[in-house]
C-alpha atoms as a PDB file:
ATOM      1  CA  MET A   1      35.488  67.360 -26.240  1.00  0.00           C
ATOM      2  CA  GLU A   2      34.205  66.456 -22.928  1.00  0.00           C
ATOM      3  CA  LYS A   3      30.785  65.772 -24.378  1.00  0.00           C
ATOM      4  CA  LYS A   4      32.202  63.482 -27.096  1.00  0.00           C
ATOM      5  CA  GLU A   5      34.246  61.645 -24.502  1.00  0.00           C
ATOM      6  CA  TRP A   6      31.222  61.234 -22.307  1.00  0.00           C
ATOM      7  CA  VAL A   7      29.081  59.910 -25.233  1.00  0.00           C
ATOM      8  CA  ARG A   8      31.894  57.510 -26.237  1.00  0.00           C
ATOM      9  CA  ARG A   9      32.171  56.205 -22.665  1.00  0.00           C
ATOM     10  CA  ILE A  10      28.394  55.738 -22.450  1.00  0.00           C
ATOM     11  CA  LYS A  11      28.412  53.828 -25.770  1.00  0.00           C
ATOM     12  CA  GLU A  12      31.258  51.603 -24.549  1.00  0.00           C
ATOM     13  CA  GLU A  13      29.468  50.911 -21.283  1.00  0.00           C
ATOM     14  CA  LEU A  14      26.219  50.237 -23.167  1.00  0.00           C
ATOM     15  CA  LEU A  15      27.980  47.832 -25.551  1.00  0.00           C
ATOM     16  CA  ALA A  16      29.705  46.112 -22.599  1.00  0.00           C
ATOM     17  CA  THR A  17      26.392  45.814 -20.738  1.00  0.00           C
ATOM     18  CA  HIS A  18      24.678  44.495 -23.892  1.00  0.00           C
ATOM     19  CA  LYS A  19      27.494  41.967 -24.408  1.00  0.00           C
ATOM     20  CA  GLU A  20      27.244  40.909 -20.751  1.00  0.00           C
ATOM     21  CA  ALA A  21      23.425  40.538 -21.076  1.00  0.00           C
ATOM     22  CA  GLU A  22      23.918  38.364 -24.190  1.00  0.00           C
ATOM     23  CA  GLU A  23      26.407  36.190 -22.285  1.00  0.00           C
ATOM     24  CA  PHE A  24      23.948  35.804 -19.384  1.00  0.00           C
ATOM     25  CA  LYS A  25      21.159  34.974 -21.833  1.00  0.00           C
ATOM     26  CA  GLU A  26      23.335  32.336 -23.498  1.00  0.00           C
ATOM     27  CA  LEU A  27      24.340  30.944 -20.077  1.00  0.00           C
ATOM     28  CA  TYR A  28      20.691  30.865 -18.968  1.00  0.00           C
ATOM     29  CA  THR A  29      19.671  29.051 -22.178  1.00  0.00           C
ATOM     30  CA  ARG A  30      22.433  26.450 -21.683  1.00  0.00           C
ATOM     31  CA  LEU A  31      21.453  25.967 -18.040  1.00  0.00           C
ATOM     32  CA  VAL A  32      17.788  25.466 -18.966  1.00  0.00           C
ATOM     33  CA  LEU A  33      18.762  22.913 -21.629  1.00  0.00           C
ATOM     34  CA  ASP A  34      21.114  21.134 -19.211  1.00  0.00           C
ATOM     35  CA  PHE A  35      18.445  21.098 -16.515  1.00  0.00           C
ATOM     36  CA  ASN A  36      15.858  19.659 -18.923  1.00  0.00           C
ATOM     37  CA  LYS A  37      18.342  16.951 -19.984  1.00  0.00           C
ATOM     38  CA  PHE A  38      19.062  16.213 -16.300  1.00  0.00           C
ATOM     39  CA  LYS A  39      15.355  16.048 -15.498  1.00  0.00           C
ATOM     40  CA  LYS A  40      14.686  13.701 -18.418  1.00  0.00           C
ATOM     41  CA  ARG A  41      17.639  11.481 -17.427  1.00  0.00           C
ATOM     42  CA  LYS A  42      16.413  11.319 -13.810  1.00  0.00           C
ATOM     43  CA  GLU A  43      12.895  10.408 -14.967  1.00  0.00           C
ATOM     44  CA  GLU A  44      14.350   7.570 -17.052  1.00  0.00           C
ATOM     45  CA  GLU A  45      16.515   6.406 -14.149  1.00  0.00           C
ATOM     46  CA  PHE A  46      13.465   6.474 -11.863  1.00  0.00           C
ATOM     47  CA  LYS A  47      11.451   4.395 -14.354  1.00  0.00           C
ATOM     48  CA  GLU A  48      14.319   1.902 -14.632  1.00  0.00           C
ATOM     49  CA  ALA A  49      14.704   1.697 -10.844  1.00  0.00           C
ATOM     50  CA  LYS A  50      10.978   1.103 -10.493  1.00  0.00           C
ATOM     51  CA  ILE A  51      11.116  -1.701 -13.063  1.00  0.00           C
ATOM     52  CA  GLU A  52      14.162  -3.231 -11.342  1.00  0.00           C
ATOM     53  CA  GLY A  53      12.375  -3.087  -7.988  1.00  0.00           C
ATOM     54  CA  LYS A  54       9.355  -4.871  -9.444  1.00  0.00           C
ATOM     55  CA  LYS A  55      11.622  -7.483 -11.042  1.00  0.00           C
ATOM     56  CA  GLU A  56      13.272  -8.171  -7.681  1.00  0.00           C
ATOM     57  CA  LEU A  57       9.889  -8.525  -5.984  1.00  0.00           C
ATOM     58  CA  ILE A  58       8.616 -10.847  -8.706  1.00  0.00           C
ATOM     59  CA  LYS A  59      11.783 -12.952  -8.375  1.00  0.00           C
ATOM     60  CA  LYS A  60      11.114 -13.333  -4.658  1.00  0.00           C
ATOM     61  CA  PHE A  61       7.518 -14.385  -5.266  1.00  0.00           C
ATOM     62  CA  PHE A  62       8.517 -16.774  -8.050  1.00  0.00           C
ATOM     63  CA  ASN A  63       9.851 -19.409  -5.624  1.00  0.00           C
ATOM     64  CA  ALA A  64       6.607 -19.429  -3.672  1.00  0.00           C
ATOM     65  CA  ILE A  65       4.540 -19.569  -6.892  1.00  0.00           C
ATOM     66  CA  ASP A  66       6.757 -22.381  -8.200  1.00  0.00           C
ATOM     67  CA  ASN A  67       6.243 -24.319  -4.960  1.00  0.00           C
ATOM     68  CA  LEU A  68       2.497 -23.792  -5.269  1.00  0.00           C
ATOM     69  CA  GLY A  69       2.640 -25.202  -8.811  1.00  0.00           C
ATOM     70  CA  ARG A  70       4.483 -28.277  -7.544  1.00  0.00           C
ATOM     71  CA  ALA A  71       1.888 -28.722  -4.800  1.00  0.00           C
ATOM     72  CA  LEU A  72      -0.855 -28.664  -7.433  1.00  0.00           C
ATOM     73  CA  GLU A  73       1.033 -31.286  -9.481  1.00  0.00           C
ATOM     74  CA  VAL A  74       1.352 -33.521  -6.403  1.00  0.00           C
ATOM     75  CA  MET A  75      -2.321 -32.940  -5.675  1.00  0.00           C
ATOM     76  CA  ASN A  76      -3.210 -34.057  -9.188  1.00  0.00           C
ATOM     77  CA  GLU A  77      -1.057 -37.201  -8.902  1.00  0.00           C
ATOM     78  CA  ASN A  78      -2.070 -38.177  -5.345  1.00  0.00           C
ATOM     79  CA  LYS A  79      -5.668 -37.099  -5.010  1.00  0.00           C
ATOM     80  CA  SER A  80      -6.102 -38.979  -1.730  1.00  0.00           C
ATOM     81  CA  ASP A  81      -3.090 -37.611   0.162  1.00  0.00           C
ATOM     82  CA  ALA A  82      -4.777 -34.694   1.950  1.00  0.00           C
ATOM     83  CA  GLU A  83      -2.238 -34.411   4.774  1.00  0.00           C
ATOM     84  CA  SER A  84       0.719 -33.969   2.392  1.00  0.00           C
ATOM     85  CA  LEU A  85      -1.256 -31.450   0.404  1.00  0.00           C
ATOM     86  CA  TYR A  86      -2.135 -29.526   3.559  1.00  0.00           C
ATOM     87  CA  LYS A  87       1.509 -29.432   4.683  1.00  0.00           C
ATOM     88  CA  GLY A  88       2.664 -28.295   1.230  1.00  0.00           C
ATOM     89  CA  VAL A  89       0.105 -25.509   0.977  1.00  0.00           C
ATOM     90  CA  GLU A  90       0.846 -24.443   4.564  1.00  0.00           C
ATOM     91  CA  MET A  91       4.568 -24.265   3.734  1.00  0.00           C
ATOM     92  CA  ILE A  92       3.849 -22.058   0.703  1.00  0.00           C
ATOM     93  CA  TYR A  93       1.508 -19.855   2.750  1.00  0.00           C
ATOM     94  CA  LYS A  94       4.267 -19.320   5.323  1.00  0.00           C
ATOM     95  CA  GLN A  95       6.708 -18.552   2.503  1.00  0.00           C
ATOM     96  CA  PHE A  96       4.347 -15.859   1.182  1.00  0.00           C
ATOM     97  CA  LEU A  97       3.948 -14.406   4.689  1.00  0.00           C
ATOM     98  CA  THR A  98       7.730 -14.240   5.077  1.00  0.00           C
ATOM     99  CA  LEU A  99       8.073 -12.468   1.718  1.00  0.00           C
ATOM    100  CA  LEU A 100       5.324 -10.046   2.661  1.00  0.00           C
ATOM    101  CA  LYS A 101       7.058  -9.228   5.944  1.00  0.00           C
ATOM    102  CA  GLU A 102      10.481  -8.839   4.260  1.00  0.00           C
ATOM    103  CA  GLU A 103       8.977  -6.304   1.860  1.00  0.00           C
ATOM    104  CA  GLY A 104       7.444  -4.225   4.673  1.00  0.00           C
ATOM    105  CA  GLY A 105       3.973  -5.761   4.529  1.00  0.00           C
ATOM    106  CA  GLU A 106       1.910  -6.955   7.439  1.00  0.00           C
ATOM    107  CA  ILE A 107      -1.406  -8.788   7.744  1.00  0.00           C
ATOM    108  CA  VAL A 108      -4.021  -7.170   9.980  1.00  0.00           C
ATOM    109  CA  GLU A 109      -5.920 -10.003  11.606  1.00  0.00           C
ATOM    110  CA  PRO A 110      -8.473  -8.633  14.082  1.00  0.00           C
ATOM    111  CA  LYS A 111      -9.665 -10.934  16.832  1.00  0.00           C
ATOM    112  CA  GLU A 112     -13.017 -10.991  18.559  1.00  0.00           C
ATOM    113  CA  GLY A 113     -12.996  -8.395  21.345  1.00  0.00           C
ATOM    114  CA  ASP A 114     -10.357  -6.108  19.772  1.00  0.00           C
ATOM    115  CA  ASP A 115     -11.113  -2.383  19.868  1.00  0.00           C
ATOM    116  CA  PHE A 116     -12.549  -1.089  16.595  1.00  0.00           C
ATOM    117  CA  ASP A 117      -9.929   1.142  14.950  1.00  0.00           C
ATOM    118  CA  PRO A 118     -11.114   2.984  11.818  1.00  0.00           C
ATOM    119  CA  GLU A 119      -7.478   3.358  10.706  1.00  0.00           C
ATOM    120  CA  ILE A 120      -7.134  -0.394  10.143  1.00  0.00           C
ATOM    121  CA  HIS A 121     -10.738  -1.695  10.241  1.00  0.00           C
ATOM    122  CA  GLU A 122     -13.764  -1.202   8.009  1.00  0.00           C
ATOM    123  CA  ALA A 123     -17.089  -1.814   9.769  1.00  0.00           C
ATOM    124  CA  ILE A 124     -19.278  -3.710   7.316  1.00  0.00           C
ATOM    125  CA  ASP A 125     -22.056  -4.244   9.840  1.00  0.00           C
ATOM    126  CA  LEU A 126     -23.078  -3.162  13.318  1.00  0.00           C
ATOM    127  CA  VAL A 127     -24.835  -5.516  15.677  1.00  0.00           C
ATOM    128  CA  GLU A 128     -26.483  -4.702  18.967  1.00  0.00           C
ATOM    129  CA  VAL A 129     -24.864  -6.300  21.976  1.00  0.00           C
ATOM    130  CA  CYS A 130     -26.169  -6.694  25.512  1.00  0.00           C
ATOM    131  CA  ASP A 131     -22.757  -6.486  27.186  1.00  0.00           C
ATOM    132  CA  GLU A 132     -21.398  -2.938  27.468  1.00  0.00           C
ATOM    133  CA  LYS A 133     -17.848  -4.353  27.344  1.00  0.00           C
ATOM    134  CA  LEU A 134     -18.461  -5.310  23.705  1.00  0.00           C
ATOM    135  CA  ASN A 135     -19.416  -1.759  22.692  1.00  0.00           C
ATOM    136  CA  LYS A 136     -17.200  -0.615  19.799  1.00  0.00           C
ATOM    137  CA  LYS A 137     -15.425  -3.974  19.821  1.00  0.00           C
ATOM    138  CA  VAL A 138     -14.839  -6.384  16.965  1.00  0.00           C
ATOM    139  CA  ILE A 139     -17.532  -9.041  17.139  1.00  0.00           C
ATOM    140  CA  LYS A 140     -16.393 -10.962  14.078  1.00  0.00           C
ATOM    141  CA  SER A 141     -13.604 -10.612  11.536  1.00  0.00           C
ATOM    142  CA  VAL A 142     -14.874 -11.149   7.990  1.00  0.00           C
ATOM    143  CA  GLN A 143     -11.736 -10.385   5.987  1.00  0.00           C
ATOM    144  CA  ARG A 144      -8.141  -9.689   6.976  1.00  0.00           C
ATOM    145  CA  GLY A 145      -6.500  -6.394   6.060  1.00  0.00           C
ATOM    146  CA  PHE A 146      -2.997  -5.406   5.027  1.00  0.00           C
ATOM    147  CA  LYS A 147      -0.489  -2.740   6.038  1.00  0.00           C
ATOM    148  CA  TYR A 148       2.563  -1.600   4.146  1.00  0.00           C
ATOM    149  CA  MET A 149       5.354   0.191   6.019  1.00  0.00           C
ATOM    150  CA  GLY A 150       3.007   0.637   8.986  1.00  0.00           C
ATOM    151  CA  LYS A 151       0.169   2.218   6.984  1.00  0.00           C
ATOM    152  CA  SER A 152      -3.107   0.517   6.139  1.00  0.00           C
ATOM    153  CA  ILE A 153      -3.487  -0.242   2.430  1.00  0.00           C
ATOM    154  CA  SER A 154      -6.485  -2.531   2.757  1.00  0.00           C
ATOM    155  CA  PRO A 155      -8.540  -2.341   5.959  1.00  0.00           C
ATOM    156  CA  ALA A 156      -9.726  -5.487   7.720  1.00  0.00           C
ATOM    157  CA  ARG A 157     -13.469  -5.923   7.289  1.00  0.00           C
ATOM    158  CA  VAL A 158     -15.214  -6.484  10.603  1.00  0.00           C
ATOM    159  CA  ILE A 159     -18.571  -6.584  12.352  1.00  0.00           C
ATOM    160  CA  VAL A 160     -18.693  -4.198  15.297  1.00  0.00           C
ATOM    161  CA  GLY A 161     -20.788  -4.377  18.459  1.00  0.00           C
ATOM    162  CA  VAL A 162     -22.995  -1.469  19.523  1.00  0.00           C
ATOM    163  CA  PHE A 163     -24.300  -1.523  23.083  1.00  0.00           C
ATOM    164  CA  LYS A 164     -28.039  -0.933  23.445  1.00  0.00           C
ATOM    165  CA  GLU A 165     -28.990  -1.064  27.079  1.00  0.00           C
ATOM    166  CA  GLY A 166     -31.775  -3.517  27.870  1.00  0.00           C
ATOM    167  CA  LYS A 167     -32.357  -4.569  24.252  1.00  0.00           C
ATOM    168  CA  LYS A 168     -31.945  -7.966  22.736  1.00  0.00           C
ATOM    169  CA  GLU A 169     -32.178  -7.481  18.970  1.00  0.00           C
ATOM    170  CA  SER A 170     -31.270  -9.640  16.057  1.00  0.00           C
ATOM    171  CA  GLY A 171     -28.644  -8.566  13.571  1.00  0.00           C
ATOM    172  CA  SER A 172     -27.001 -10.047  10.556  1.00  0.00           C
ATOM    173  CA  ILE A 173     -23.760 -11.952  10.925  1.00  0.00           C
ATOM    174  CA  PRO A 174     -22.001 -13.625   8.002  1.00  0.00           C
ATOM    175  CA  ASN A 175     -21.538 -17.355   8.474  1.00  0.00           C
ATOM    176  CA  GLU A 176     -18.408 -19.312   7.503  1.00  0.00           C
ATOM    177  CA  GLU A 177     -19.388 -19.271   3.802  1.00  0.00           C
ATOM    178  CA  GLY A 178     -19.826 -15.485   3.864  1.00  0.00           C
ATOM    179  CA  ASN A 179     -23.629 -15.682   3.599  1.00  0.00           C
ATOM    180  CA  VAL A 180     -25.637 -13.417   5.835  1.00  0.00           C
ATOM    181  CA  LYS A 181     -27.611 -15.270   8.465  1.00  0.00           C
ATOM    182  CA  GLU A 182     -30.028 -13.762  10.949  1.00  0.00           C
ATOM    183  CA  GLU A 183     -28.864 -14.534  14.466  1.00  0.00           C
ATOM    184  CA  GLU A 184     -29.696 -13.488  17.970  1.00  0.00           C
ATOM    185  CA  THR A 185     -27.051 -10.934  18.955  1.00  0.00           C
ATOM    186  CA  ASN A 186     -26.794 -11.706  22.605  1.00  0.00           C
ATOM    187  CA  TYR A 187     -23.005 -11.624  22.952  1.00  0.00           C
ATOM    188  CA  ALA A 188     -23.068 -11.294  26.706  1.00  0.00           C
END
């Protein structure tokens, strides 16, 4: 009898363990399905939030773009009124700068004599300089750069001075139109 009792108990425990394993399997399957639904819902919410963020940004820029359109209309009507046109375009430029700043953007505007910083500057040319103080300094800013949330997203393009003791060489420096012009590089 003891053997039959023992076999019966083992069968009961085996059936209970099997039932418990089936319940865990079913629970696991439901959790995986729920997690996948949650993940899909979050992806959709993220896409919607991204679209809403872009809509808000576009709304902010719309006023400045609309003002620019009005300035162009005024320009077309009053072709001789340069001062009004200048003031209108300047106002719109300032409006864009304000929007840029509000959104976490910043213009990087290197000045002559600033230290060259590869984090925010891109050296498009090197010119020899006679003054050691101008070594690794910005000689000319060619294009402004931009930062977003403190990080460079578009480096400022600059010409950088390289000190060569006792040499007076010529190098290329872009003129106001952006054309390269050979000039004497005596920036002493």
